Amino acid sequence: MSALLAELEQQARNLTPDERARLVEMLLESLEDTSLSEVEREWRREIENRVAAYDRGEVQTYAAEDVFAEAQRLAK
């Protein structure tokens, strides 16, 4: 490990948990073609599309009790 990397690691350990989380986000964004904020926007758009499809009655829904019962049946 380079001296610079060791120094950065030590400084990062002195940050608050929130600051370290933000640093991780920034570092990951620097490695990716798509920024995290863009990914978050796409997820938000997907959620909005799914909710709208549900509101229009375009998706099949199942009662939670039925889903859990089927999961238990399959687990046996």
Protein backbone atom coordinates (compact mmCIF):
# COMPACT_ATOMS: atom_id res chain seq x y z
CA MET A 1 0.00 0.00 0.00
CA SER A 2 1.35 3.39 -0.91
CA ALA A 3 2.01 5.98 1.78
CA LEU A 4 -0.66 8.22 0.25
CA LEU A 5 -3.25 5.44 0.33
CA ALA A 6 -2.38 4.61 3.94
CA GLU A 7 -2.75 8.29 4.89
CA LEU A 8 -6.11 8.55 3.10
CA GLU A 9 -7.33 5.41 4.84
CA GLN A 10 -6.37 6.80 8.24
CA GLN A 11 -8.10 10.10 7.50
CA ALA A 12 -11.20 8.29 6.26
CA ARG A 13 -11.39 6.29 9.50
CA ASN A 14 -11.60 9.60 11.40
CA LEU A 15 -14.73 10.65 9.49
CA THR A 16 -18.21 10.22 10.89
CA PRO A 17 -20.20 7.23 9.58
CA ASP A 18 -22.27 9.58 7.39
CA GLU A 19 -19.15 11.18 5.98
CA ARG A 20 -17.60 7.77 5.26
CA ALA A 21 -20.78 6.66 3.51
CA ARG A 22 -20.73 9.77 1.33
CA LEU A 23 -17.04 9.20 0.55
CA VAL A 24 -17.82 5.64 -0.52
CA GLU A 25 -20.61 6.90 -2.78
CA MET A 26 -18.28 9.45 -4.35
CA LEU A 27 -15.53 6.88 -4.92
CA LEU A 28 -17.96 4.39 -6.44
CA GLU A 29 -19.38 7.06 -8.71
CA SER A 30 -15.86 7.79 -9.92
CA LEU A 31 -15.53 4.14 -11.02
CA GLU A 32 -18.85 3.87 -12.81
CA ASP A 33 -20.09 5.26 -16.08
CA THR A 34 -23.45 6.08 -14.50
CA SER A 35 -23.57 8.24 -11.39
CA LEU A 36 -25.48 7.07 -8.35
CA SER A 37 -27.83 10.05 -8.63
CA GLU A 38 -28.68 8.95 -12.17
CA VAL A 39 -29.34 5.42 -10.97
CA GLU A 40 -31.54 6.79 -8.19
CA ARG A 41 -33.49 8.84 -10.76
CA GLU A 42 -34.01 5.73 -12.89
CA TRP A 43 -35.22 3.73 -9.89
CA ARG A 44 -37.59 6.55 -8.96
CA ARG A 45 -38.93 6.55 -12.54
CA GLU A 46 -39.36 2.76 -12.44
CA ILE A 47 -41.23 2.98 -9.13
CA GLU A 48 -43.50 5.70 -10.51
CA ASN A 49 -44.20 3.59 -13.62
CA ARG A 50 -45.05 0.53 -11.52
CA VAL A 51 -47.34 2.49 -9.21
CA ALA A 52 -49.09 4.06 -12.21
CA ALA A 53 -49.56 0.61 -13.80
CA TYR A 54 -51.01 -0.64 -10.50
CA ASP A 55 -53.35 2.37 -10.29
CA ARG A 56 -54.54 1.67 -13.85
CA GLY A 57 -55.22 -1.95 -12.93
CA GLU A 58 -52.61 -3.26 -15.36
CA VAL A 59 -50.81 -5.55 -12.92
CA GLN A 60 -51.98 -8.73 -11.30
CA THR A 61 -51.85 -8.59 -7.51
CA TYR A 62 -51.97 -11.27 -4.85
CA ALA A 63 -53.08 -11.17 -1.25
CA ALA A 64 -50.16 -11.30 1.18
CA GLU A 65 -51.70 -14.31 2.94
CA ASP A 66 -51.71 -16.23 -0.36
CA VAL A 67 -48.09 -15.31 -1.08
CA PHE A 68 -46.93 -16.40 2.38
CA ALA A 69 -48.94 -19.62 2.19
CA GLU A 70 -47.39 -20.45 -1.20
CA ALA A 71 -43.90 -19.67 0.14
CA GLN A 72 -44.45 -21.99 3.08
CA ARG A 73 -45.78 -24.71 0.77
CA LEU A 74 -42.74 -24.44 -1.48
CA ALA A 75 -40.32 -24.45 1.50
CA LYS A 76 -41.54 -27.87 2.66
